[in-house]
Protein backbone atom coordinates (compact mmCIF):
# COMPACT_ATOMS: atom_id res chain seq x y z
CA UNK A 1 115.63 24.37 -6.38
CA UNK A 2 113.60 21.97 -4.27
CA UNK A 3 112.10 18.82 -5.59
CA UNK A 4 108.71 20.01 -4.60
CA UNK A 5 109.03 22.93 -7.06
CA UNK A 6 109.92 20.54 -9.90
CA UNK A 7 106.89 18.38 -8.83
CA UNK A 8 104.63 21.43 -9.00
CA UNK A 9 105.89 22.45 -12.48
CA UNK A 10 105.40 18.85 -13.86
CA UNK A 11 101.94 18.37 -12.35
CA UNK A 12 100.78 21.83 -13.72
CA UNK A 13 101.01 20.41 -17.29
CA UNK A 14 97.87 18.91 -18.92
CA UNK A 15 97.34 15.14 -18.28
CA UNK A 16 100.53 14.93 -16.13
CA UNK A 17 100.49 12.19 -13.42
CA UNK A 18 103.01 11.15 -10.77
CA UNK A 19 103.95 7.59 -10.17
CA UNK A 20 106.79 6.04 -8.18
CA UNK A 21 109.07 3.90 -10.23
CA UNK A 22 112.59 2.62 -9.41
CA UNK A 23 112.13 4.22 -5.91
CA UNK A 24 111.86 7.75 -7.43
CA UNK A 25 109.02 9.88 -8.49
CA UNK A 26 108.33 9.77 -12.26
CA UNK A 27 106.04 12.19 -14.07
CA UNK A 28 104.08 10.87 -17.04
CA UNK A 29 101.67 11.89 -19.65
CA UNK A 30 99.69 8.97 -21.13
CA UNK A 31 101.95 6.52 -19.24
CA UNK A 32 105.07 7.93 -20.87
CA UNK A 33 107.72 9.36 -18.64
CA UNK A 34 108.86 12.90 -19.15
CA UNK A 35 110.64 13.57 -15.82
CA UNK A 36 112.30 11.40 -13.26
CA UNK A 37 112.86 13.20 -10.01
CA UNK A 38 115.33 12.35 -7.23
CA UNK A 39 116.34 14.25 -4.18
CA UNK A 40 119.26 16.09 -5.76
CA UNK A 41 118.69 15.88 -9.53
CA UNK A 42 116.03 15.44 -12.16
CA UNK A 43 116.25 13.68 -15.58
CA UNK A 44 114.32 15.24 -18.40
CA UNK A 45 113.83 14.47 -22.07
CA UNK A 46 115.47 16.84 -24.53
CA UNK A 47 115.82 16.89 -28.28
CA UNK A 48 118.98 14.86 -29.22
CA UNK A 49 120.20 17.72 -31.34
CA UNK A 50 119.91 20.18 -28.38
CA UNK A 51 121.32 17.84 -25.71
CA UNK A 52 125.01 18.92 -26.08
CA UNK A 53 124.36 22.65 -26.31
CA UNK A 54 122.30 22.45 -23.13
CA UNK A 55 125.02 20.58 -21.31
CA UNK A 56 127.70 22.95 -22.68
CA UNK A 57 125.77 26.02 -21.43
CA UNK A 58 126.37 24.87 -17.76
CA UNK A 59 128.27 21.57 -17.35
CA UNK A 60 128.01 21.99 -13.54
CA UNK A 61 124.23 21.84 -13.74
CA UNK A 62 123.54 19.62 -16.81
CA UNK A 63 124.89 16.20 -17.84
CA UNK A 64 124.11 13.22 -20.06
CA UNK A 65 121.59 11.00 -18.34
CA UNK A 66 122.72 7.41 -17.56
CA UNK A 67 121.06 4.77 -19.75
CA UNK A 68 118.83 7.11 -21.75
CA UNK A 69 121.31 9.85 -22.52
CA UNK A 70 121.88 8.40 -25.98
CA UNK A 71 118.20 9.36 -26.69
CA UNK A 72 118.80 12.98 -25.70
CA UNK A 73 117.87 12.83 -22.01
CA UNK A 74 119.75 15.06 -19.61
CA UNK A 75 120.26 15.19 -15.90
CA UNK A 76 119.72 18.51 -14.02
CA UNK A 77 121.40 19.22 -10.75
CA UNK A 78 118.68 20.83 -8.66
CA UNK A 79 121.05 22.83 -6.44
CA UNK A 80 122.44 24.90 -9.29
CA UNK A 81 119.68 25.08 -11.93
CA UNK A 82 117.87 28.46 -12.50
CA UNK A 83 114.13 28.14 -11.81
CA UNK A 84 113.18 29.58 -15.24
CA UNK A 85 115.42 27.06 -16.99
CA UNK A 86 113.93 24.19 -15.08
CA UNK A 87 110.41 25.26 -16.07
CA UNK A 88 111.49 25.39 -19.78
CA UNK A 89 113.21 22.04 -19.56
CA UNK A 90 110.26 20.31 -17.86
CA UNK A 91 107.77 21.83 -20.24
CA UNK A 92 109.83 20.97 -23.31
CA UNK A 93 110.15 17.36 -21.99
CA UNK A 94 106.43 17.22 -21.64
CA UNK A 95 106.00 18.63 -25.10
CA UNK A 96 108.24 15.81 -26.54
CA UNK A 97 106.20 13.18 -24.79
CA UNK A 98 102.54 14.38 -24.82
CA UNK A 99 100.21 13.60 -27.79
CA UNK A 100 100.29 16.30 -30.53
CA UNK A 101 96.59 17.18 -29.92
CA UNK A 102 97.34 17.77 -26.17
CA UNK A 103 100.28 19.98 -27.00
CA UNK A 104 98.29 21.96 -29.58
CA UNK A 105 95.48 22.53 -27.05
CA UNK A 106 98.05 23.64 -24.47
CA UNK A 107 99.51 26.10 -27.02
CA UNK A 108 96.02 27.43 -27.75
CA UNK A 109 96.01 26.16 -31.33
């Protein structure tokens, strides 16, 4: 998967904005980061209780993110991730970060 595809997925979500931080693209909702995008991998927020099962499903593709992994974040290797899985991971990361009202509106509730 190309970084431009991850960018397109992230920016398709309500109130998502891109800003460069630490020399990499970060995607935010209300100034809270939900994706950090590098050239070869992305870092996304996941529920702490799901982190290890995601990683175990494909250890070549997923790993514990440096620094923020203890909070549930995972790294995703772009060369090996399935596009549908990446869309789910980015969307779930956004859901965990966005205000509840924004998520409810996105879900049509």
